[in-house]
């Protein structure tokens, strides 16, 4: 079974940046799509970003223009670069493979 491990979360001030990493247990070069979702307390899980094998990207409206998803096939890692962070970005962030395999999640807290 595919294993995904997120890292890079933590506490950051508004306007700051973080880069989340998701390391897969095996090669990701043949995976059709990988992405990030997040869930804040009392809210539904929402799409943050998705990246297909062909290189197309999809971003949630709330993060478009601020977040960027990328992959490093040599390292089997998918990244989420988060810039201009807002209080509303506070959530648990989950890495996923085609919505079928999920990491345990990692906390991102934006606070002054």
PDB file of N, CA and C in Angstrom:
ATOM      1  N   UNK A   1       0.836  -1.175   0.000  1.00  0.00           N
ATOM      2  CA  UNK A   1       0.000   0.000   0.000  1.00  0.00           C
ATOM      3  C   UNK A   1       0.888   1.248   0.000  1.00  0.00           C
ATOM      4  N   UNK A   2       0.447   2.259  -0.717  1.00  0.00           N
ATOM      5  CA  UNK A   2       1.197   3.497  -0.806  1.00  0.00           C
ATOM      6  C   UNK A   2       1.194   4.199   0.542  1.00  0.00           C
ATOM      7  N   UNK A   3       2.359   4.663   0.950  1.00  0.00           N
ATOM      8  CA  UNK A   3       2.480   5.445   2.170  1.00  0.00           C
ATOM      9  C   UNK A   3       2.944   6.855   1.832  1.00  0.00           C
ATOM     10  N   UNK A   4       2.312   7.832   2.465  1.00  0.00           N
ATOM     11  CA  UNK A   4       2.619   9.229   2.237  1.00  0.00           C
ATOM     12  C   UNK A   4       2.914   9.894   3.571  1.00  0.00           C
ATOM     13  N   UNK A   5       3.981  10.657   3.622  1.00  0.00           N
ATOM     14  CA  UNK A   5       4.389  11.319   4.847  1.00  0.00           C
ATOM     15  C   UNK A   5       4.573  12.803   4.580  1.00  0.00           C
ATOM     16  N   UNK A   6       3.769  13.622   5.257  1.00  0.00           N
ATOM     17  CA  UNK A   6       3.865  15.067   5.113  1.00  0.00           C
ATOM     18  C   UNK A   6       4.866  15.633   6.119  1.00  0.00           C
ATOM     19  N   UNK A   7       5.487  16.732   5.748  1.00  0.00           N
ATOM     20  CA  UNK A   7       6.389  17.432   6.645  1.00  0.00           C
ATOM     21  C   UNK A   7       6.423  18.904   6.260  1.00  0.00           C
ATOM     22  N   UNK A   8       6.967  19.726   7.144  1.00  0.00           N
ATOM     23  CA  UNK A   8       7.143  21.140   6.851  1.00  0.00           C
ATOM     24  C   UNK A   8       6.105  22.057   7.451  1.00  0.00           C
ATOM     25  N   UNK A   9       5.139  21.518   8.165  1.00  0.00           N
ATOM     26  CA  UNK A   9       4.117  22.352   8.776  1.00  0.00           C
ATOM     27  C   UNK A   9       4.625  23.036  10.026  1.00  0.00           C
ATOM     28  N   UNK A  10       3.730  23.798  10.641  1.00  0.00           N
ATOM     29  CA  UNK A  10       4.093  24.495  11.855  1.00  0.00           C
ATOM     30  C   UNK A  10       3.361  25.803  11.997  1.00  0.00           C
ATOM     31  N   UNK A  11       3.921  26.676  12.807  1.00  0.00           N
ATOM     32  CA  UNK A  11       3.343  27.984  13.100  1.00  0.00           C
ATOM     33  C   UNK A  11       4.040  29.057  12.281  1.00  0.00           C
ATOM     34  N   UNK A  12       3.246  29.920  11.670  1.00  0.00           N
ATOM     35  CA  UNK A  12       3.793  30.993  10.856  1.00  0.00           C
ATOM     36  C   UNK A  12       2.931  32.238  11.018  1.00  0.00           C
ATOM     37  N   UNK A  13       3.539  33.403  10.887  1.00  0.00           N
ATOM     38  CA  UNK A  13       2.808  34.659  10.992  1.00  0.00           C
ATOM     39  C   UNK A  13       2.076  34.983   9.698  1.00  0.00           C
ATOM     40  N   UNK A  14       0.996  35.756   9.790  1.00  0.00           N
ATOM     41  CA  UNK A  14       0.314  36.186   8.570  1.00  0.00           C
ATOM     42  C   UNK A  14       1.277  36.874   7.617  1.00  0.00           C
ATOM     43  N   UNK A  15       1.134  36.562   6.341  1.00  0.00           N
ATOM     44  CA  UNK A  15       2.023  37.105   5.337  1.00  0.00           C
ATOM     45  C   UNK A  15       3.275  36.289   5.115  1.00  0.00           C
ATOM     46  N   UNK A  16       3.511  35.317   5.968  1.00  0.00           N
ATOM     47  CA  UNK A  16       4.689  34.481   5.861  1.00  0.00           C
ATOM     48  C   UNK A  16       4.513  33.344   4.876  1.00  0.00           C
ATOM     49  N   UNK A  17       5.527  32.488   4.810  1.00  0.00           N
ATOM     50  CA  UNK A  17       5.542  31.383   3.857  1.00  0.00           C
ATOM     51  C   UNK A  17       5.940  30.085   4.535  1.00  0.00           C
ATOM     52  N   UNK A  18       5.443  28.998   3.990  1.00  0.00           N
ATOM     53  CA  UNK A  18       5.828  27.652   4.377  1.00  0.00           C
ATOM     54  C   UNK A  18       5.866  26.787   3.132  1.00  0.00           C
ATOM     55  N   UNK A  19       6.685  25.749   3.172  1.00  0.00           N
ATOM     56  CA  UNK A  19       6.678  24.752   2.115  1.00  0.00           C
ATOM     57  C   UNK A  19       6.438  23.386   2.721  1.00  0.00           C
ATOM     58  N   UNK A  20       5.330  22.779   2.331  1.00  0.00           N
ATOM     59  CA  UNK A  20       5.012  21.430   2.758  1.00  0.00           C
ATOM     60  C   UNK A  20       5.607  20.422   1.782  1.00  0.00           C
ATOM     61  N   UNK A  21       6.042  19.294   2.316  1.00  0.00           N
ATOM     62  CA  UNK A  21       6.572  18.215   1.503  1.00  0.00           C
ATOM     63  C   UNK A  21       5.783  16.945   1.762  1.00  0.00           C
ATOM     64  N   UNK A  22       5.620  16.148   0.733  1.00  0.00           N
ATOM     65  CA  UNK A  22       4.947  14.859   0.831  1.00  0.00           C
ATOM     66  C   UNK A  22       5.825  13.825   0.162  1.00  0.00           C
ATOM     67  N   UNK A  23       6.399  12.939   0.964  1.00  0.00           N
ATOM     68  CA  UNK A  23       7.276  11.901   0.441  1.00  0.00           C
ATOM     69  C   UNK A  23       6.499  10.597   0.296  1.00  0.00           C
ATOM     70  N   UNK A  24       6.541  10.011  -0.882  1.00  0.00           N
ATOM     71  CA  UNK A  24       5.857   8.761  -1.151  1.00  0.00           C
ATOM     72  C   UNK A  24       6.791   7.582  -0.943  1.00  0.00           C
ATOM     73  N   UNK A  25       6.193   6.425  -0.663  1.00  0.00           N
ATOM     74  CA  UNK A  25       6.984   5.228  -0.392  1.00  0.00           C
ATOM     75  C   UNK A  25       7.621   4.638  -1.638  1.00  0.00           C
ATOM     76  N   UNK A  26       7.101   5.000  -2.801  1.00  0.00           N
ATOM     77  CA  UNK A  26       7.624   4.500  -4.057  1.00  0.00           C
ATOM     78  C   UNK A  26       7.661   5.588  -5.102  1.00  0.00           C
ATOM     79  N   UNK A  27       8.014   5.193  -6.303  1.00  0.00           N
ATOM     80  CA  UNK A  27       8.117   6.135  -7.412  1.00  0.00           C
ATOM     81  C   UNK A  27       6.772   6.792  -7.696  1.00  0.00           C
ATOM     82  N   UNK A  28       6.796   8.093  -7.937  1.00  0.00           N
ATOM     83  CA  UNK A  28       5.578   8.826  -8.263  1.00  0.00           C
ATOM     84  C   UNK A  28       5.515   9.200  -9.733  1.00  0.00           C
ATOM     85  N   UNK A  29       6.502   8.783 -10.497  1.00  0.00           N
ATOM     86  CA  UNK A  29       6.573   9.188 -11.892  1.00  0.00           C
ATOM     87  C   UNK A  29       5.391   8.696 -12.713  1.00  0.00           C
ATOM     88  N   UNK A  30       4.805   7.556 -12.331  1.00  0.00           N
ATOM     89  CA  UNK A  30       3.703   6.982 -13.092  1.00  0.00           C
ATOM     90  C   UNK A  30       2.332   7.285 -12.488  1.00  0.00           C
ATOM     91  N   UNK A  31       2.292   7.967 -11.360  1.00  0.00           N
ATOM     92  CA  UNK A  31       1.022   8.303 -10.720  1.00  0.00           C
ATOM     93  C   UNK A  31       0.306   9.377 -11.532  1.00  0.00           C
ATOM     94  N   UNK A  32      -0.974   9.167 -11.778  1.00  0.00           N
ATOM     95  CA  UNK A  32      -1.724  10.072 -12.633  1.00  0.00           C
ATOM     96  C   UNK A  32      -1.946  11.436 -12.003  1.00  0.00           C
ATOM     97  N   UNK A  33      -2.179  11.456 -10.696  1.00  0.00           N
ATOM     98  CA  UNK A  33      -2.433  12.726 -10.037  1.00  0.00           C
ATOM     99  C   UNK A  33      -2.106  12.648  -8.557  1.00  0.00           C
ATOM    100  N   UNK A  34      -1.522  13.703  -8.048  1.00  0.00           N
ATOM    101  CA  UNK A  34      -1.294  13.860  -6.627  1.00  0.00           C
ATOM    102  C   UNK A  34      -1.767  15.242  -6.229  1.00  0.00           C
ATOM    103  N   UNK A  35      -2.091  15.398  -4.965  1.00  0.00           N
ATOM    104  CA  UNK A  35      -2.599  16.691  -4.561  1.00  0.00           C
ATOM    105  C   UNK A  35      -2.560  16.922  -3.071  1.00  0.00           C
ATOM    106  N   UNK A  36      -3.085  18.065  -2.707  1.00  0.00           N
ATOM    107  CA  UNK A  36      -3.204  18.477  -1.321  1.00  0.00           C
ATOM    108  C   UNK A  36      -4.636  18.913  -1.039  1.00  0.00           C
ATOM    109  N   UNK A  37      -5.157  18.477   0.087  1.00  0.00           N
ATOM    110  CA  UNK A  37      -6.421  18.957   0.625  1.00  0.00           C
ATOM    111  C   UNK A  37      -6.177  19.484   2.030  1.00  0.00           C
ATOM    112  N   UNK A  38      -7.139  20.236   2.529  1.00  0.00           N
ATOM    113  CA  UNK A  38      -7.027  20.716   3.896  1.00  0.00           C
ATOM    114  C   UNK A  38      -8.397  20.722   4.556  1.00  0.00           C
ATOM    115  N   UNK A  39      -8.380  20.666   5.877  1.00  0.00           N
ATOM    116  CA  UNK A  39      -9.614  20.715   6.641  1.00  0.00           C
ATOM    117  C   UNK A  39      -9.395  21.538   7.896  1.00  0.00           C
ATOM    118  N   UNK A  40     -10.176  22.590   8.018  1.00  0.00           N
ATOM    119  CA  UNK A  40     -10.145  23.438   9.191  1.00  0.00           C
ATOM    120  C   UNK A  40     -11.254  23.018  10.144  1.00  0.00           C
ATOM    121  N   UNK A  41     -11.117  23.314  11.429  1.00  0.00           N
ATOM    122  CA  UNK A  41     -12.144  22.939  12.398  1.00  0.00           C
ATOM    123  C   UNK A  41     -13.517  23.473  12.016  1.00  0.00           C
ATOM    124  N   UNK A  42     -14.511  22.594  12.013  1.00  0.00           N
ATOM    125  CA  UNK A  42     -15.867  22.988  11.698  1.00  0.00           C
ATOM    126  C   UNK A  42     -16.148  23.210  10.231  1.00  0.00           C
ATOM    127  N   UNK A  43     -15.193  22.915   9.369  1.00  0.00           N
ATOM    128  CA  UNK A  43     -15.369  23.127   7.940  1.00  0.00           C
ATOM    129  C   UNK A  43     -15.158  21.829   7.168  1.00  0.00           C
ATOM    130  N   UNK A  44     -15.675  21.809   5.947  1.00  0.00           N
ATOM    131  CA  UNK A  44     -15.507  20.654   5.085  1.00  0.00           C
ATOM    132  C   UNK A  44     -14.097  20.601   4.524  1.00  0.00           C
ATOM    133  N   UNK A  45     -13.659  19.388   4.217  1.00  0.00           N
ATOM    134  CA  UNK A  45     -12.384  19.233   3.538  1.00  0.00           C
ATOM    135  C   UNK A  45     -12.464  19.857   2.156  1.00  0.00           C
ATOM    136  N   UNK A  46     -11.431  20.575   1.773  1.00  0.00           N
ATOM    137  CA  UNK A  46     -11.440  21.254   0.491  1.00  0.00           C
ATOM    138  C   UNK A  46     -10.148  21.002  -0.275  1.00  0.00           C
ATOM    139  N   UNK A  47     -10.280  21.041  -1.582  1.00  0.00           N
ATOM    140  CA  UNK A  47      -9.118  20.909  -2.446  1.00  0.00           C
ATOM    141  C   UNK A  47      -8.241  22.147  -2.326  1.00  0.00           C
ATOM    142  N   UNK A  48      -6.954  21.925  -2.167  1.00  0.00           N
ATOM    143  CA  UNK A  48      -5.979  23.002  -2.179  1.00  0.00           C
ATOM    144  C   UNK A  48      -5.290  23.068  -3.536  1.00  0.00           C
ATOM    145  N   UNK A  49      -4.735  21.945  -3.964  1.00  0.00           N
ATOM    146  CA  UNK A  49      -4.019  21.905  -5.235  1.00  0.00           C
ATOM    147  C   UNK A  49      -3.919  20.474  -5.737  1.00  0.00           C
ATOM    148  N   UNK A  50      -3.899  20.322  -7.045  1.00  0.00           N
ATOM    149  CA  UNK A  50      -3.743  19.016  -7.659  1.00  0.00           C
ATOM    150  C   UNK A  50      -2.811  19.130  -8.853  1.00  0.00           C
ATOM    151  N   UNK A  51      -1.953  18.126  -9.017  1.00  0.00           N
ATOM    152  CA  UNK A  51      -0.990  18.082 -10.103  1.00  0.00           C
ATOM    153  C   UNK A  51      -1.077  16.743 -10.796  1.00  0.00           C
ATOM    154  N   UNK A  52      -1.287  16.744 -12.106  1.00  0.00           N
ATOM    155  CA  UNK A  52      -1.375  15.506 -12.866  1.00  0.00           C
ATOM    156  C   UNK A  52      -0.022  15.119 -13.423  1.00  0.00           C
ATOM    157  N   UNK A  53       0.071  13.873 -13.884  1.00  0.00           N
ATOM    158  CA  UNK A  53       1.309  13.384 -14.482  1.00  0.00           C
ATOM    159  C   UNK A  53       1.691  14.215 -15.696  1.00  0.00           C
ATOM    160  N   UNK A  54       0.688  14.712 -16.408  1.00  0.00           N
ATOM    161  CA  UNK A  54       0.944  15.521 -17.580  1.00  0.00           C
ATOM    162  C   UNK A  54       1.340  16.950 -17.283  1.00  0.00           C
ATOM    163  N   UNK A  55       1.313  17.344 -16.016  1.00  0.00           N
ATOM    164  CA  UNK A  55       1.768  18.661 -15.637  1.00  0.00           C
ATOM    165  C   UNK A  55       0.689  19.705 -15.450  1.00  0.00           C
ATOM    166  N   UNK A  56      -0.566  19.343 -15.628  1.00  0.00           N
ATOM    167  CA  UNK A  56      -1.638  20.307 -15.418  1.00  0.00           C
ATOM    168  C   UNK A  56      -1.902  20.487 -13.930  1.00  0.00           C
ATOM    169  N   UNK A  57      -2.301  21.684 -13.546  1.00  0.00           N
ATOM    170  CA  UNK A  57      -2.537  22.007 -12.144  1.00  0.00           C
ATOM    171  C   UNK A  57      -3.936  22.552 -11.940  1.00  0.00           C
ATOM    172  N   UNK A  58      -4.452  22.316 -10.752  1.00  0.00           N
ATOM    173  CA  UNK A  58      -5.731  22.852 -10.332  1.00  0.00           C
ATOM    174  C   UNK A  58      -5.568  23.393  -8.919  1.00  0.00           C
ATOM    175  N   UNK A  59      -6.096  24.588  -8.679  1.00  0.00           N
ATOM    176  CA  UNK A  59      -6.003  25.209  -7.364  1.00  0.00           C
ATOM    177  C   UNK A  59      -7.378  25.613  -6.866  1.00  0.00           C
ATOM    178  N   UNK A  60      -7.559  25.493  -5.566  1.00  0.00           N
ATOM    179  CA  UNK A  60      -8.767  26.009  -4.969  1.00  0.00           C
ATOM    180  C   UNK A  60      -8.813  27.520  -5.085  1.00  0.00           C
ATOM    181  N   UNK A  61     -10.024  28.057  -5.188  1.00  0.00           N
ATOM    182  CA  UNK A  61     -10.174  29.496  -5.373  1.00  0.00           C
ATOM    183  C   UNK A  61      -9.531  30.304  -4.251  1.00  0.00           C
ATOM    184  N   UNK A  62      -9.571  29.791  -3.048  1.00  0.00           N
ATOM    185  CA  UNK A  62      -9.074  30.531  -1.907  1.00  0.00           C
ATOM    186  C   UNK A  62      -7.550  30.619  -1.845  1.00  0.00           C
ATOM    187  N   UNK A  63      -6.853  29.777  -2.610  1.00  0.00           N
ATOM    188  CA  UNK A  63      -5.391  29.763  -2.564  1.00  0.00           C
ATOM    189  C   UNK A  63      -4.756  30.123  -3.893  1.00  0.00           C
ATOM    190  N   UNK A  64      -5.543  30.253  -4.928  1.00  0.00           N
ATOM    191  CA  UNK A  64      -5.017  30.542  -6.254  1.00  0.00           C
ATOM    192  C   UNK A  64      -4.225  31.850  -6.247  1.00  0.00           C
ATOM    193  N   UNK A  65      -3.035  31.782  -6.811  1.00  0.00           N
ATOM    194  CA  UNK A  65      -2.162  32.943  -6.846  1.00  0.00           C
ATOM    195  C   UNK A  65      -1.223  33.036  -5.671  1.00  0.00           C
ATOM    196  N   UNK A  66      -1.474  32.252  -4.626  1.00  0.00           N
ATOM    197  CA  UNK A  66      -0.626  32.267  -3.436  1.00  0.00           C
ATOM    198  C   UNK A  66       0.120  30.954  -3.227  1.00  0.00           C
ATOM    199  N   UNK A  67      -0.498  29.841  -3.616  1.00  0.00           N
ATOM    200  CA  UNK A  67       0.090  28.517  -3.420  1.00  0.00           C
ATOM    201  C   UNK A  67       0.535  27.944  -4.758  1.00  0.00           C
ATOM    202  N   UNK A  68       1.573  27.114  -4.712  1.00  0.00           N
ATOM    203  CA  UNK A  68       2.081  26.450  -5.901  1.00  0.00           C
ATOM    204  C   UNK A  68       2.409  25.000  -5.581  1.00  0.00           C
ATOM    205  N   UNK A  69       1.934  24.083  -6.417  1.00  0.00           N
ATOM    206  CA  UNK A  69       2.241  22.671  -6.255  1.00  0.00           C
ATOM    207  C   UNK A  69       3.302  22.271  -7.265  1.00  0.00           C
ATOM    208  N   UNK A  70       4.222  21.423  -6.847  1.00  0.00           N
ATOM    209  CA  UNK A  70       5.285  20.955  -7.721  1.00  0.00           C
ATOM    210  C   UNK A  70       5.712  19.558  -7.284  1.00  0.00           C
ATOM    211  N   UNK A  71       6.454  18.878  -8.141  1.00  0.00           N
ATOM    212  CA  UNK A  71       6.913  17.534  -7.811  1.00  0.00           C
ATOM    213  C   UNK A  71       8.370  17.357  -8.192  1.00  0.00           C
ATOM    214  N   UNK A  72       9.030  16.458  -7.483  1.00  0.00           N
ATOM    215  CA  UNK A  72      10.389  16.056  -7.778  1.00  0.00           C
ATOM    216  C   UNK A  72      10.372  14.537  -7.894  1.00  0.00           C
ATOM    217  N   UNK A  73      10.301  14.043  -9.112  1.00  0.00           N
ATOM    218  CA  UNK A  73      10.188  12.607  -9.325  1.00  0.00           C
ATOM    219  C   UNK A  73      11.417  11.840  -8.836  1.00  0.00           C
ATOM    220  N   UNK A  74      12.577  12.454  -8.927  1.00  0.00           N
ATOM    221  CA  UNK A  74      13.801  11.793  -8.493  1.00  0.00           C
ATOM    222  C   UNK A  74      13.785  11.508  -6.998  1.00  0.00           C
ATOM    223  N   UNK A  75      13.131  12.383  -6.237  1.00  0.00           N
ATOM    224  CA  UNK A  75      13.059  12.233  -4.789  1.00  0.00           C
ATOM    225  C   UNK A  75      11.721  11.667  -4.309  1.00  0.00           C
ATOM    226  N   UNK A  76      10.803  11.432  -5.238  1.00  0.00           N
ATOM    227  CA  UNK A  76       9.471  10.938  -4.899  1.00  0.00           C
ATOM    228  C   UNK A  76       8.765  11.864  -3.909  1.00  0.00           C
ATOM    229  N   UNK A  77       8.837  13.138  -4.188  1.00  0.00           N
ATOM    230  CA  UNK A  77       8.286  14.149  -3.291  1.00  0.00           C
ATOM    231  C   UNK A  77       7.398  15.113  -4.066  1.00  0.00           C
ATOM    232  N   UNK A  78       6.278  15.467  -3.452  1.00  0.00           N
ATOM    233  CA  UNK A  78       5.402  16.524  -3.954  1.00  0.00           C
ATOM    234  C   UNK A  78       5.429  17.663  -2.949  1.00  0.00           C
ATOM    235  N   UNK A  79       5.540  18.876  -3.448  1.00  0.00           N
ATOM    236  CA  UNK A  79       5.645  20.052  -2.598  1.00  0.00           C
ATOM    237  C   UNK A  79       4.409  20.929  -2.716  1.00  0.00           C
ATOM    238  N   UNK A  80       4.167  21.679  -1.665  1.00  0.00           N
ATOM    239  CA  UNK A  80       3.178  22.739  -1.694  1.00  0.00           C
ATOM    240  C   UNK A  80       3.826  23.984  -1.116  1.00  0.00           C
ATOM    241  N   UNK A  81       4.143  24.925  -1.987  1.00  0.00           N
ATOM    242  CA  UNK A  81       4.704  26.196  -1.555  1.00  0.00           C
ATOM    243  C   UNK A  81       3.566  27.146  -1.222  1.00  0.00           C
ATOM    244  N   UNK A  82       3.542  27.643  -0.006  1.00  0.00           N
ATOM    245  CA  UNK A  82       2.467  28.507   0.467  1.00  0.00           C
ATOM    246  C   UNK A  82       3.040  29.877   0.801  1.00  0.00           C
ATOM    247  N   UNK A  83       2.574  30.887   0.097  1.00  0.00           N
ATOM    248  CA  UNK A  83       3.019  32.258   0.306  1.00  0.00           C
ATOM    249  C   UNK A  83       1.850  33.133   0.727  1.00  0.00           C
ATOM    250  N   UNK A  84       2.172  34.287   1.273  1.00  0.00           N
ATOM    251  CA  UNK A  84       1.157  35.256   1.691  1.00  0.00           C
ATOM    252  C   UNK A  84       0.078  34.605   2.537  1.00  0.00           C
ATOM    253  N   UNK A  85       0.493  33.860   3.524  1.00  0.00           N
ATOM    254  CA  UNK A  85      -0.436  33.083   4.330  1.00  0.00           C
ATOM    255  C   UNK A  85      -1.378  33.975   5.133  1.00  0.00           C
ATOM    256  N   UNK A  86      -2.609  33.510   5.271  1.00  0.00           N
ATOM    257  CA  UNK A  86      -3.657  34.216   5.987  1.00  0.00           C
ATOM    258  C   UNK A  86      -4.141  33.383   7.167  1.00  0.00           C
ATOM    259  N   UNK A  87      -4.845  34.029   8.095  1.00  0.00           N
ATOM    260  CA  UNK A  87      -5.428  33.299   9.219  1.00  0.00           C
ATOM    261  C   UNK A  87      -6.310  32.157   8.732  1.00  0.00           C
ATOM    262  N   UNK A  88      -7.018  32.381   7.639  1.00  0.00           N
ATOM    263  CA  UNK A  88      -7.952  31.403   7.101  1.00  0.00           C
ATOM    264  C   UNK A  88      -7.274  30.171   6.520  1.00  0.00           C
ATOM    265  N   UNK A  89      -5.959  30.206   6.366  1.00  0.00           N
ATOM    266  CA  UNK A  89      -5.226  29.046   5.870  1.00  0.00           C
ATOM    267  C   UNK A  89      -4.936  28.030   6.969  1.00  0.00           C
ATOM    268  N   UNK A  90      -5.232  28.375   8.197  1.00  0.00           N
ATOM    269  CA  UNK A  90      -5.019  27.452   9.308  1.00  0.00           C
ATOM    270  C   UNK A  90      -5.871  26.203   9.123  1.00  0.00           C
ATOM    271  N   UNK A  91      -5.226  25.048   9.103  1.00  0.00           N
ATOM    272  CA  UNK A  91      -5.919  23.789   8.856  1.00  0.00           C
ATOM    273  C   UNK A  91      -4.931  22.640   8.972  1.00  0.00           C
ATOM    274  N   UNK A  92      -5.473  21.433   8.934  1.00  0.00           N
ATOM    275  CA  UNK A  92      -4.654  20.247   8.756  1.00  0.00           C
ATOM    276  C   UNK A  92      -4.575  19.970   7.264  1.00  0.00           C
ATOM    277  N   UNK A  93      -3.375  19.823   6.761  1.00  0.00           N
ATOM    278  CA  UNK A  93      -3.149  19.619   5.341  1.00  0.00           C
ATOM    279  C   UNK A  93      -2.808  18.159   5.072  1.00  0.00           C
ATOM    280  N   UNK A  94      -3.467  17.586   4.068  1.00  0.00           N
ATOM    281  CA  UNK A  94      -3.303  16.180   3.718  1.00  0.00           C
ATOM    282  C   UNK A  94      -2.796  16.033   2.296  1.00  0.00           C
ATOM    283  N   UNK A  95      -1.793  15.204   2.127  1.00  0.00           N
ATOM    284  CA  UNK A  95      -1.320  14.814   0.811  1.00  0.00           C
ATOM    285  C   UNK A  95      -2.098  13.587   0.354  1.00  0.00           C
ATOM    286  N   UNK A  96      -2.416  13.509  -0.937  1.00  0.00           N
ATOM    287  CA  UNK A  96      -3.158  12.366  -1.432  1.00  0.00           C
ATOM    288  C   UNK A  96      -2.721  11.955  -2.825  1.00  0.00           C
ATOM    289  N   UNK A  97      -2.987  10.693  -3.136  1.00  0.00           N
ATOM    290  CA  UNK A  97      -2.743  10.127  -4.462  1.00  0.00           C
ATOM    291  C   UNK A  97      -4.085   9.765  -5.055  1.00  0.00           C
ATOM    292  N   UNK A  98      -4.508  10.513  -6.034  1.00  0.00           N
ATOM    293  CA  UNK A  98      -5.761  10.279  -6.764  1.00  0.00           C
ATOM    294  C   UNK A  98      -6.964  10.145  -5.836  1.00  0.00           C
ATOM    295  N   UNK A  99      -6.890  10.749  -4.671  1.00  0.00           N
ATOM    296  CA  UNK A  99      -7.964  10.671  -3.707  1.00  0.00           C
ATOM    297  C   UNK A  99      -8.140   9.308  -3.080  1.00  0.00           C
ATOM    298  N   UNK A 100      -7.202   8.396  -3.304  1.00  0.00           N
ATOM    299  CA  UNK A 100      -7.311   7.028  -2.809  1.00  0.00           C
ATOM    300  C   UNK A 100      -6.393   6.743  -1.625  1.00  0.00           C
ATOM    301  N   UNK A 101      -5.233   7.345  -1.626  1.00  0.00           N
ATOM    302  CA  UNK A 101      -4.274   7.159  -0.551  1.00  0.00           C
ATOM    303  C   UNK A 101      -3.980   8.508   0.076  1.00  0.00           C
ATOM    304  N   UNK A 102      -3.899   8.522   1.401  1.00  0.00           N
ATOM    305  CA  UNK A 102      -3.775   9.775   2.136  1.00  0.00           C
ATOM    306  C   UNK A 102      -2.682   9.707   3.180  1.00  0.00           C
ATOM    307  N   UNK A 103      -2.002  10.821   3.366  1.00  0.00           N
ATOM    308  CA  UNK A 103      -1.090  10.944   4.475  1.00  0.00           C
ATOM    309  C   UNK A 103      -1.845  11.169   5.764  1.00  0.00           C
ATOM    310  N   UNK A 104      -1.138  11.186   6.866  1.00  0.00           N
ATOM    311  CA  UNK A 104      -1.768  11.373   8.167  1.00  0.00           C
ATOM    312  C   UNK A 104      -2.207  12.806   8.403  1.00  0.00           C
ATOM    313  N   UNK A 105      -1.678  13.731   7.656  1.00  0.00           N
ATOM    314  CA  UNK A 105      -2.002  15.134   7.810  1.00  0.00           C
ATOM    315  C   UNK A 105      -0.966  15.855   8.640  1.00  0.00           C
ATOM    316  N   UNK A 106      -0.840  17.156   8.395  1.00  0.00           N
ATOM    317  CA  UNK A 106       0.099  17.969   9.141  1.00  0.00           C
ATOM    318  C   UNK A 106      -0.529  19.329   9.410  1.00  0.00           C
ATOM    319  N   UNK A 107      -0.317  19.835  10.611  1.00  0.00           N
ATOM    320  CA  UNK A 107      -0.946  21.077  11.039  1.00  0.00           C
ATOM    321  C   UNK A 107      -0.194  22.290  10.511  1.00  0.00           C
ATOM    322  N   UNK A 108      -0.948  23.229   9.973  1.00  0.00           N
ATOM    323  CA  UNK A 108      -0.436  24.551   9.612  1.00  0.00           C
ATOM    324  C   UNK A 108      -1.261  25.575  10.374  1.00  0.00           C
ATOM    325  N   UNK A 109      -0.597  26.383  11.165  1.00  0.00           N
ATOM    326  CA  UNK A 109      -1.277  27.403  11.957  1.00  0.00           C
ATOM    327  C   UNK A 109      -0.723  28.771  11.605  1.00  0.00           C
ATOM    328  N   UNK A 110      -1.602  29.660  11.187  1.00  0.00           N
ATOM    329  CA  UNK A 110      -1.228  31.031  10.854  1.00  0.00           C
ATOM    330  C   UNK A 110      -1.764  31.926  11.960  1.00  0.00           C
ATOM    331  N   UNK A 111      -0.874  32.541  12.690  1.00  0.00           N
ATOM    332  CA  UNK A 111      -1.280  33.334  13.843  1.00  0.00           C
ATOM    333  C   UNK A 111      -0.249  34.414  14.117  1.00  0.00           C
ATOM    334  N   UNK A 112      -0.732  35.543  14.609  1.00  0.00           N
ATOM    335  CA  UNK A 112       0.145  36.629  15.011  1.00  0.00           C
ATOM    336  C   UNK A 112       0.415  36.601  16.507  1.00  0.00           C
TER     337      UNK A 112
END
